[in-house]
PDB file of N, CA and C in Angstrom:
ATOM      1  N   MET A   1     -12.740   1.980  22.374  1.00  0.00           N
ATOM      2  CA  MET A   1     -13.820   1.062  22.176  1.00  0.00           C
ATOM      3  C   MET A   1     -13.764   0.003  23.270  1.00  0.00           C
ATOM      4  N   GLN A   2     -14.891  -0.307  23.807  1.00  0.00           N
ATOM      5  CA  GLN A   2     -14.945  -1.269  24.899  1.00  0.00           C
ATOM      6  C   GLN A   2     -15.049  -2.683  24.352  1.00  0.00           C
ATOM      7  N   ASN A   3     -14.685  -3.648  25.211  1.00  0.00           N
ATOM      8  CA  ASN A   3     -14.905  -5.048  24.839  1.00  0.00           C
ATOM      9  C   ASN A   3     -16.392  -5.295  24.810  1.00  0.00           C
ATOM     10  N   PHE A   4     -16.842  -5.923  23.751  1.00  0.00           N
ATOM     11  CA  PHE A   4     -18.272  -6.128  23.584  1.00  0.00           C
ATOM     12  C   PHE A   4     -18.493  -7.523  23.055  1.00  0.00           C
ATOM     13  N   ASP A   5     -19.326  -8.278  23.699  1.00  0.00           N
ATOM     14  CA  ASP A   5     -19.629  -9.642  23.283  1.00  0.00           C
ATOM     15  C   ASP A   5     -20.704  -9.588  22.198  1.00  0.00           C
ATOM     16  N   LEU A   6     -20.291  -9.846  20.959  1.00  0.00           N
ATOM     17  CA  LEU A   6     -21.224  -9.762  19.836  1.00  0.00           C
ATOM     18  C   LEU A   6     -22.341 -10.802  19.908  1.00  0.00           C
ATOM     19  N   TRP A   7     -22.102 -11.877  20.617  1.00  0.00           N
ATOM     20  CA  TRP A   7     -23.061 -12.979  20.628  1.00  0.00           C
ATOM     21  C   TRP A   7     -24.019 -12.930  21.823  1.00  0.00           C
ATOM     22  N   LYS A   8     -23.786 -12.012  22.716  1.00  0.00           N
ATOM     23  CA  LYS A   8     -24.646 -11.885  23.892  1.00  0.00           C
ATOM     24  C   LYS A   8     -25.976 -11.224  23.501  1.00  0.00           C
ATOM     25  N   THR A   9     -27.054 -11.817  23.915  1.00  0.00           N
ATOM     26  CA  THR A   9     -28.376 -11.248  23.645  1.00  0.00           C
ATOM     27  C   THR A   9     -28.537  -9.958  24.438  1.00  0.00           C
ATOM     28  N   ILE A  10     -29.042  -8.936  23.764  1.00  0.00           N
ATOM     29  CA  ILE A  10     -29.189  -7.627  24.402  1.00  0.00           C
ATOM     30  C   ILE A  10     -30.667  -7.403  24.725  1.00  0.00           C
ATOM     31  N   TRP A  11     -30.930  -7.108  26.021  1.00  0.00           N
ATOM     32  CA  TRP A  11     -32.304  -6.882  26.455  1.00  0.00           C
ATOM     33  C   TRP A  11     -32.537  -5.435  26.868  1.00  0.00           C
ATOM     34  N   GLU A  12     -31.454  -4.721  27.155  1.00  0.00           N
ATOM     35  CA  GLU A  12     -31.605  -3.352  27.639  1.00  0.00           C
ATOM     36  C   GLU A  12     -31.344  -2.351  26.513  1.00  0.00           C
ATOM     37  N   GLN A  13     -32.130  -1.291  26.478  1.00  0.00           N
ATOM     38  CA  GLN A  13     -32.032  -0.272  25.430  1.00  0.00           C
ATOM     39  C   GLN A  13     -30.645   0.363  25.395  1.00  0.00           C
ATOM     40  N   HIS A  14     -30.083   0.679  26.553  1.00  0.00           N
ATOM     41  CA  HIS A  14     -28.769   1.308  26.617  1.00  0.00           C
ATOM     42  C   HIS A  14     -27.702   0.415  25.969  1.00  0.00           C
ATOM     43  N   ASP A  15     -27.727  -0.866  26.303  1.00  0.00           N
ATOM     44  CA  ASP A  15     -26.749  -1.795  25.725  1.00  0.00           C
ATOM     45  C   ASP A  15     -26.922  -1.905  24.211  1.00  0.00           C
ATOM     46  N   TYR A  16     -28.151  -1.916  23.764  1.00  0.00           N
ATOM     47  CA  TYR A  16     -28.430  -2.004  22.332  1.00  0.00           C
ATOM     48  C   TYR A  16     -27.898  -0.768  21.604  1.00  0.00           C
ATOM     49  N   GLU A  17     -28.130   0.404  22.151  1.00  0.00           N
ATOM     50  CA  GLU A  17     -27.654   1.646  21.545  1.00  0.00           C
ATOM     51  C   GLU A  17     -26.126   1.691  21.522  1.00  0.00           C
ATOM     52  N   GLU A  18     -25.526   1.189  22.597  1.00  0.00           N
ATOM     53  CA  GLU A  18     -24.063   1.140  22.652  1.00  0.00           C
ATOM     54  C   GLU A  18     -23.514   0.228  21.557  1.00  0.00           C
ATOM     55  N   ARG A  19     -24.158  -0.904  21.372  1.00  0.00           N
ATOM     56  CA  ARG A  19     -23.717  -1.834  20.323  1.00  0.00           C
ATOM     57  C   ARG A  19     -23.863  -1.188  18.950  1.00  0.00           C
ATOM     58  N   LEU A  20     -24.963  -0.518  18.686  1.00  0.00           N
ATOM     59  CA  LEU A  20     -25.149   0.151  17.403  1.00  0.00           C
ATOM     60  C   LEU A  20     -24.075   1.218  17.165  1.00  0.00           C
ATOM     61  N   GLU A  21     -23.753   1.954  18.221  1.00  0.00           N
ATOM     62  CA  GLU A  21     -22.723   2.983  18.102  1.00  0.00           C
ATOM     63  C   GLU A  21     -21.370   2.366  17.765  1.00  0.00           C
ATOM     64  N   ILE A  22     -21.038   1.283  18.436  1.00  0.00           N
ATOM     65  CA  ILE A  22     -19.761   0.598  18.180  1.00  0.00           C
ATOM     66  C   ILE A  22     -19.725   0.065  16.752  1.00  0.00           C
ATOM     67  N   GLU A  23     -20.821  -0.550  16.313  1.00  0.00           N
ATOM     68  CA  GLU A  23     -20.865  -1.088  14.953  1.00  0.00           C
ATOM     69  C   GLU A  23     -20.766   0.032  13.915  1.00  0.00           C
ATOM     70  N   ALA A  24     -21.402   1.162  14.188  1.00  0.00           N
ATOM     71  CA  ALA A  24     -21.322   2.301  13.267  1.00  0.00           C
ATOM     72  C   ALA A  24     -19.879   2.820  13.184  1.00  0.00           C
ATOM     73  N   GLU A  25     -19.200   2.922  14.313  1.00  0.00           N
ATOM     74  CA  GLU A  25     -17.805   3.366  14.329  1.00  0.00           C
ATOM     75  C   GLU A  25     -16.921   2.399  13.544  1.00  0.00           C
ATOM     76  N   LEU A  26     -17.180   1.105  13.715  1.00  0.00           N
ATOM     77  CA  LEU A  26     -16.413   0.103  12.974  1.00  0.00           C
ATOM     78  C   LEU A  26     -16.644   0.230  11.469  1.00  0.00           C
ATOM     79  N   MET A  27     -17.872   0.434  11.068  1.00  0.00           N
ATOM     80  CA  MET A  27     -18.187   0.569   9.643  1.00  0.00           C
ATOM     81  C   MET A  27     -17.498   1.806   9.056  1.00  0.00           C
ATOM     82  N   ILE A  28     -17.518   2.904   9.785  1.00  0.00           N
ATOM     83  CA  ILE A  28     -16.861   4.131   9.319  1.00  0.00           C
ATOM     84  C   ILE A  28     -15.357   3.915   9.191  1.00  0.00           C
ATOM     85  N   THR A  29     -14.786   3.255  10.181  1.00  0.00           N
ATOM     86  CA  THR A  29     -13.348   2.969  10.167  1.00  0.00           C
ATOM     87  C   THR A  29     -12.988   2.053   9.012  1.00  0.00           C
ATOM     88  N   LEU A  30     -13.777   1.013   8.800  1.00  0.00           N
ATOM     89  CA  LEU A  30     -13.503   0.084   7.703  1.00  0.00           C
ATOM     90  C   LEU A  30     -13.634   0.773   6.341  1.00  0.00           C
ATOM     91  N   GLU A  31     -14.598   1.638   6.195  1.00  0.00           N
ATOM     92  CA  GLU A  31     -14.775   2.370   4.941  1.00  0.00           C
ATOM     93  C   GLU A  31     -13.585   3.303   4.694  1.00  0.00           C
ATOM     94  N   ALA A  32     -13.124   3.971   5.742  1.00  0.00           N
ATOM     95  CA  ALA A  32     -11.952   4.839   5.604  1.00  0.00           C
ATOM     96  C   ALA A  32     -10.715   4.022   5.231  1.00  0.00           C
ATOM     97  N   LEU A  33     -10.570   2.855   5.831  1.00  0.00           N
ATOM     98  CA  LEU A  33      -9.453   1.973   5.515  1.00  0.00           C
ATOM     99  C   LEU A  33      -9.524   1.512   4.057  1.00  0.00           C
ATOM    100  N   ARG A  34     -10.722   1.173   3.595  1.00  0.00           N
ATOM    101  CA  ARG A  34     -10.901   0.756   2.202  1.00  0.00           C
ATOM    102  C   ARG A  34     -10.543   1.901   1.256  1.00  0.00           C
ATOM    103  N   ASP A  35     -11.004   3.103   1.563  1.00  0.00           N
ATOM    104  CA  ASP A  35     -10.689   4.266   0.727  1.00  0.00           C
ATOM    105  C   ASP A  35      -9.174   4.505   0.676  1.00  0.00           C
ATOM    106  N   SER A  36      -8.519   4.386   1.809  1.00  0.00           N
ATOM    107  CA  SER A  36      -7.068   4.577   1.861  1.00  0.00           C
ATOM    108  C   SER A  36      -6.345   3.520   1.041  1.00  0.00           C
ATOM    109  N   THR A  37      -6.834   2.302   1.115  1.00  0.00           N
ATOM    110  CA  THR A  37      -6.227   1.211   0.353  1.00  0.00           C
ATOM    111  C   THR A  37      -6.373   1.454  -1.144  1.00  0.00           C
ATOM    112  N   VAL A  38      -7.538   1.894  -1.574  1.00  0.00           N
ATOM    113  CA  VAL A  38      -7.757   2.206  -2.990  1.00  0.00           C
ATOM    114  C   VAL A  38      -6.838   3.348  -3.419  1.00  0.00           C
ATOM    115  N   ASP A  39      -6.719   4.369  -2.593  1.00  0.00           N
ATOM    116  CA  ASP A  39      -5.845   5.498  -2.897  1.00  0.00           C
ATOM    117  C   ASP A  39      -4.392   5.042  -3.030  1.00  0.00           C
ATOM    118  N   ILE A  40      -3.943   4.218  -2.118  1.00  0.00           N
ATOM    119  CA  ILE A  40      -2.567   3.705  -2.167  1.00  0.00           C
ATOM    120  C   ILE A  40      -2.361   2.885  -3.436  1.00  0.00           C
ATOM    121  N   GLU A  41      -3.333   2.067  -3.791  1.00  0.00           N
ATOM    122  CA  GLU A  41      -3.220   1.251  -5.003  1.00  0.00           C
ATOM    123  C   GLU A  41      -3.068   2.139  -6.243  1.00  0.00           C
ATOM    124  N   HIS A  42      -3.856   3.219  -6.316  1.00  0.00           N
ATOM    125  CA  HIS A  42      -3.743   4.136  -7.455  1.00  0.00           C
ATOM    126  C   HIS A  42      -2.375   4.816  -7.484  1.00  0.00           C
ATOM    127  N   ARG A  43      -1.903   5.224  -6.328  1.00  0.00           N
ATOM    128  CA  ARG A  43      -0.595   5.888  -6.274  1.00  0.00           C
ATOM    129  C   ARG A  43       0.528   4.945  -6.687  1.00  0.00           C
ATOM    130  N   VAL A  44       0.456   3.689  -6.246  1.00  0.00           N
ATOM    131  CA  VAL A  44       1.474   2.703  -6.623  1.00  0.00           C
ATOM    132  C   VAL A  44       1.440   2.471  -8.130  1.00  0.00           C
ATOM    133  N   THR A  45       0.244   2.368  -8.694  1.00  0.00           N
ATOM    134  CA  THR A  45       0.113   2.190 -10.143  1.00  0.00           C
ATOM    135  C   THR A  45       0.721   3.374 -10.885  1.00  0.00           C
ATOM    136  N   ASP A  46       0.456   4.590 -10.414  1.00  0.00           N
ATOM    137  CA  ASP A  46       1.039   5.784 -11.039  1.00  0.00           C
ATOM    138  C   ASP A  46       2.564   5.755 -10.953  1.00  0.00           C
ATOM    139  N   LEU A  47       3.095   5.345  -9.805  1.00  0.00           N
ATOM    140  CA  LEU A  47       4.549   5.278  -9.648  1.00  0.00           C
ATOM    141  C   LEU A  47       5.163   4.231 -10.577  1.00  0.00           C
ATOM    142  N   ILE A  48       4.498   3.106 -10.719  1.00  0.00           N
ATOM    143  CA  ILE A  48       5.000   2.062 -11.626  1.00  0.00           C
ATOM    144  C   ILE A  48       5.038   2.590 -13.051  1.00  0.00           C
ATOM    145  N   ASP A  49       3.983   3.317 -13.448  1.00  0.00           N
ATOM    146  CA  ASP A  49       3.960   3.906 -14.789  1.00  0.00           C
ATOM    147  C   ASP A  49       5.116   4.879 -14.976  1.00  0.00           C
ATOM    148  N   CYS A  50       5.392   5.702 -13.975  1.00  0.00           N
ATOM    149  CA  CYS A  50       6.503   6.660 -14.052  1.00  0.00           C
ATOM    150  C   CYS A  50       7.841   5.941 -14.170  1.00  0.00           C
ATOM    151  N   VAL A  51       8.007   4.889 -13.414  1.00  0.00           N
ATOM    152  CA  VAL A  51       9.258   4.131 -13.463  1.00  0.00           C
ATOM    153  C   VAL A  51       9.443   3.536 -14.859  1.00  0.00           C
ATOM    154  N   GLU A  52       8.376   2.967 -15.419  1.00  0.00           N
ATOM    155  CA  GLU A  52       8.479   2.378 -16.756  1.00  0.00           C
ATOM    156  C   GLU A  52       8.837   3.440 -17.795  1.00  0.00           C
ATOM    157  N   GLU A  53       8.244   4.624 -17.690  1.00  0.00           N
ATOM    158  CA  GLU A  53       8.583   5.711 -18.617  1.00  0.00           C
ATOM    159  C   GLU A  53      10.045   6.115 -18.462  1.00  0.00           C
ATOM    160  N   ASN A  54      10.526   6.190 -17.231  1.00  0.00           N
ATOM    161  CA  ASN A  54      11.915   6.580 -16.988  1.00  0.00           C
ATOM    162  C   ASN A  54      12.891   5.519 -17.473  1.00  0.00           C
ATOM    163  N   VAL A  55      12.507   4.259 -17.386  1.00  0.00           N
ATOM    164  CA  VAL A  55      13.381   3.196 -17.884  1.00  0.00           C
ATOM    165  C   VAL A  55      13.589   3.375 -19.382  1.00  0.00           C
ATOM    166  N   ASP A  56      12.509   3.684 -20.108  1.00  0.00           N
ATOM    167  CA  ASP A  56      12.641   3.925 -21.542  1.00  0.00           C
ATOM    168  C   ASP A  56      13.566   5.112 -21.812  1.00  0.00           C
ATOM    169  N   SER A  57      13.421   6.182 -21.045  1.00  0.00           N
ATOM    170  CA  SER A  57      14.284   7.354 -21.207  1.00  0.00           C
ATOM    171  C   SER A  57      15.736   7.019 -20.897  1.00  0.00           C
ATOM    172  N   LEU A  58      15.938   6.232 -19.851  1.00  0.00           N
ATOM    173  CA  LEU A  58      17.304   5.854 -19.479  1.00  0.00           C
ATOM    174  C   LEU A  58      17.954   5.019 -20.572  1.00  0.00           C
ATOM    175  N   ASP A  59      17.189   4.109 -21.169  1.00  0.00           N
ATOM    176  CA  ASP A  59      17.747   3.306 -22.258  1.00  0.00           C
ATOM    177  C   ASP A  59      18.230   4.207 -23.392  1.00  0.00           C
ATOM    178  N   GLY A  60      17.421   5.211 -23.728  1.00  0.00           N
ATOM    179  CA  GLY A  60      17.818   6.161 -24.763  1.00  0.00           C
ATOM    180  C   GLY A  60      19.049   6.940 -24.360  1.00  0.00           C
ATOM    181  N   ASN A  61      19.126   7.323 -23.089  1.00  0.00           N
ATOM    182  CA  ASN A  61      20.293   8.067 -22.594  1.00  0.00           C
ATOM    183  C   ASN A  61      21.546   7.209 -22.638  1.00  0.00           C
ATOM    184  N   PHE A  62      21.429   5.930 -22.273  1.00  0.00           N
ATOM    185  CA  PHE A  62      22.598   5.048 -22.311  1.00  0.00           C
ATOM    186  C   PHE A  62      23.106   4.904 -23.744  1.00  0.00           C
ATOM    187  N   ASP A  63      22.187   4.798 -24.708  1.00  0.00           N
ATOM    188  CA  ASP A  63      22.596   4.713 -26.109  1.00  0.00           C
ATOM    189  C   ASP A  63      23.338   5.981 -26.517  1.00  0.00           C
ATOM    190  N   HIS A  64      22.833   7.129 -26.103  1.00  0.00           N
ATOM    191  CA  HIS A  64      23.460   8.410 -26.432  1.00  0.00           C
ATOM    192  C   HIS A  64      24.846   8.530 -25.777  1.00  0.00           C
ATOM    193  N   VAL A  65      24.956   8.144 -24.532  1.00  0.00           N
ATOM    194  CA  VAL A  65      26.250   8.193 -23.821  1.00  0.00           C
ATOM    195  C   VAL A  65      27.247   7.262 -24.512  1.00  0.00           C
ATOM    196  N   GLU A  66      26.800   6.088 -24.897  1.00  0.00           N
ATOM    197  CA  GLU A  66      27.692   5.145 -25.576  1.00  0.00           C
ATOM    198  C   GLU A  66      28.196   5.736 -26.903  1.00  0.00           C
ATOM    199  N   PHE A  67      27.294   6.378 -27.645  1.00  0.00           N
ATOM    200  CA  PHE A  67      27.682   7.023 -28.895  1.00  0.00           C
ATOM    201  C   PHE A  67      28.729   8.113 -28.649  1.00  0.00           C
ATOM    202  N   ILE A  68      28.478   8.936 -27.631  1.00  0.00           N
ATOM    203  CA  ILE A  68      29.400  10.037 -27.322  1.00  0.00           C
ATOM    204  C   ILE A  68      30.762   9.496 -26.893  1.00  0.00           C
ATOM    205  N   MET A  69      30.761   8.444 -26.086  1.00  0.00           N
ATOM    206  CA  MET A  69      32.044   7.874 -25.644  1.00  0.00           C
ATOM    207  C   MET A  69      32.808   7.286 -26.835  1.00  0.00           C
ATOM    208  N   ASP A  70      32.091   6.604 -27.736  1.00  0.00           N
ATOM    209  CA  ASP A  70      32.761   6.063 -28.923  1.00  0.00           C
ATOM    210  C   ASP A  70      33.348   7.186 -29.771  1.00  0.00           C
ATOM    211  N   ARG A  71      32.572   8.234 -29.953  1.00  0.00           N
ATOM    212  CA  ARG A  71      33.041   9.386 -30.745  1.00  0.00           C
ATOM    213  C   ARG A  71      34.231  10.055 -30.064  1.00  0.00           C
ATOM    214  N   ASN A  72      34.197  10.130 -28.741  1.00  0.00           N
ATOM    215  CA  ASN A  72      35.302  10.713 -27.988  1.00  0.00           C
ATOM    216  C   ASN A  72      36.581   9.904 -28.206  1.00  0.00           C
ATOM    217  N   HIS A  73      36.481   8.586 -28.178  1.00  0.00           N
ATOM    218  CA  HIS A  73      37.660   7.731 -28.408  1.00  0.00           C
ATOM    219  C   HIS A  73      38.203   7.929 -29.824  1.00  0.00           C
ATOM    220  N   GLU A  74      37.288   8.062 -30.796  1.00  0.00           N
ATOM    221  CA  GLU A  74      37.723   8.303 -32.168  1.00  0.00           C
ATOM    222  C   GLU A  74      38.485   9.621 -32.268  1.00  0.00           C
ATOM    223  N   LEU A  75      37.946  10.660 -31.633  1.00  0.00           N
ATOM    224  CA  LEU A  75      38.609  11.969 -31.681  1.00  0.00           C
ATOM    225  C   LEU A  75      39.951  11.939 -30.966  1.00  0.00           C
ATOM    226  N   GLU A  76      40.023  11.261 -29.848  1.00  0.00           N
ATOM    227  CA  GLU A  76      41.298  11.145 -29.134  1.00  0.00           C
ATOM    228  C   GLU A  76      42.332  10.424 -30.000  1.00  0.00           C
ATOM    229  N   TYR A  77      41.878   9.387 -30.714  1.00  0.00           N
ATOM    230  CA  TYR A  77      42.769   8.636 -31.600  1.00  0.00           C
ATOM    231  C   TYR A  77      43.279   9.535 -32.726  1.00  0.00           C
ATOM    232  N   GLU A  78      42.373  10.320 -33.330  1.00  0.00           N
ATOM    233  CA  GLU A  78      42.769  11.232 -34.403  1.00  0.00           C
ATOM    234  C   GLU A  78      43.748  12.281 -33.885  1.00  0.00           C
ATOM    235  N   ILE A  79      43.483  12.836 -32.710  1.00  0.00           N
ATOM    236  CA  ILE A  79      44.371  13.854 -32.126  1.00  0.00           C
ATOM    237  C   ILE A  79      45.738  13.249 -31.868  1.00  0.00           C
ATOM    238  N   GLN A  80      45.788  12.049 -31.361  1.00  0.00           N
ATOM    239  CA  GLN A  80      47.059  11.379 -31.063  1.00  0.00           C
ATOM    240  C   GLN A  80      47.857  11.154 -32.348  1.00  0.00           C
ATOM    241  N   HIS A  81      47.165  10.741 -33.407  1.00  0.00           N
ATOM    242  CA  HIS A  81      47.872  10.493 -34.680  1.00  0.00           C
ATOM    243  C   HIS A  81      48.316  11.783 -35.347  1.00  0.00           C
ATOM    244  N   GLN A  82      47.600  12.873 -35.130  1.00  0.00           N
ATOM    245  CA  GLN A  82      48.000  14.144 -35.706  1.00  0.00           C
ATOM    246  C   GLN A  82      49.251  14.680 -35.013  1.00  0.00           C
ATOM    247  N   LYS A  83      49.427  14.333 -33.757  1.00  0.00           N
ATOM    248  CA  LYS A  83      50.609  14.779 -33.012  1.00  0.00           C
ATOM    249  C   LYS A  83      51.844  14.037 -33.499  1.00  0.00           C
ATOM    250  N   ASP A  84      51.668  12.804 -33.916  1.00  0.00           N
ATOM    251  CA  ASP A  84      52.807  11.960 -34.315  1.00  0.00           C
ATOM    252  C   ASP A  84      53.312  12.311 -35.646  1.00  0.00           C
TER     253      ASP A  84
END
């Protein structure tokens, strides 16, 4: 894209057409950028939802692991006392 003075009055048809072409390219680029931004926002929201779901699952897993470890200690204690 060439440097273009937006405030310069245009008297020639060629210059006017060039300005329209540049403005059209800018509009297309800005629209694509907006679409990409919206897409990224949706993807980030989806990822946040997944993380929140996994946090709930992890909390449940930690509770289960804690239960198993407590039960393991109880069994080890019983085995030790049975040996004595």
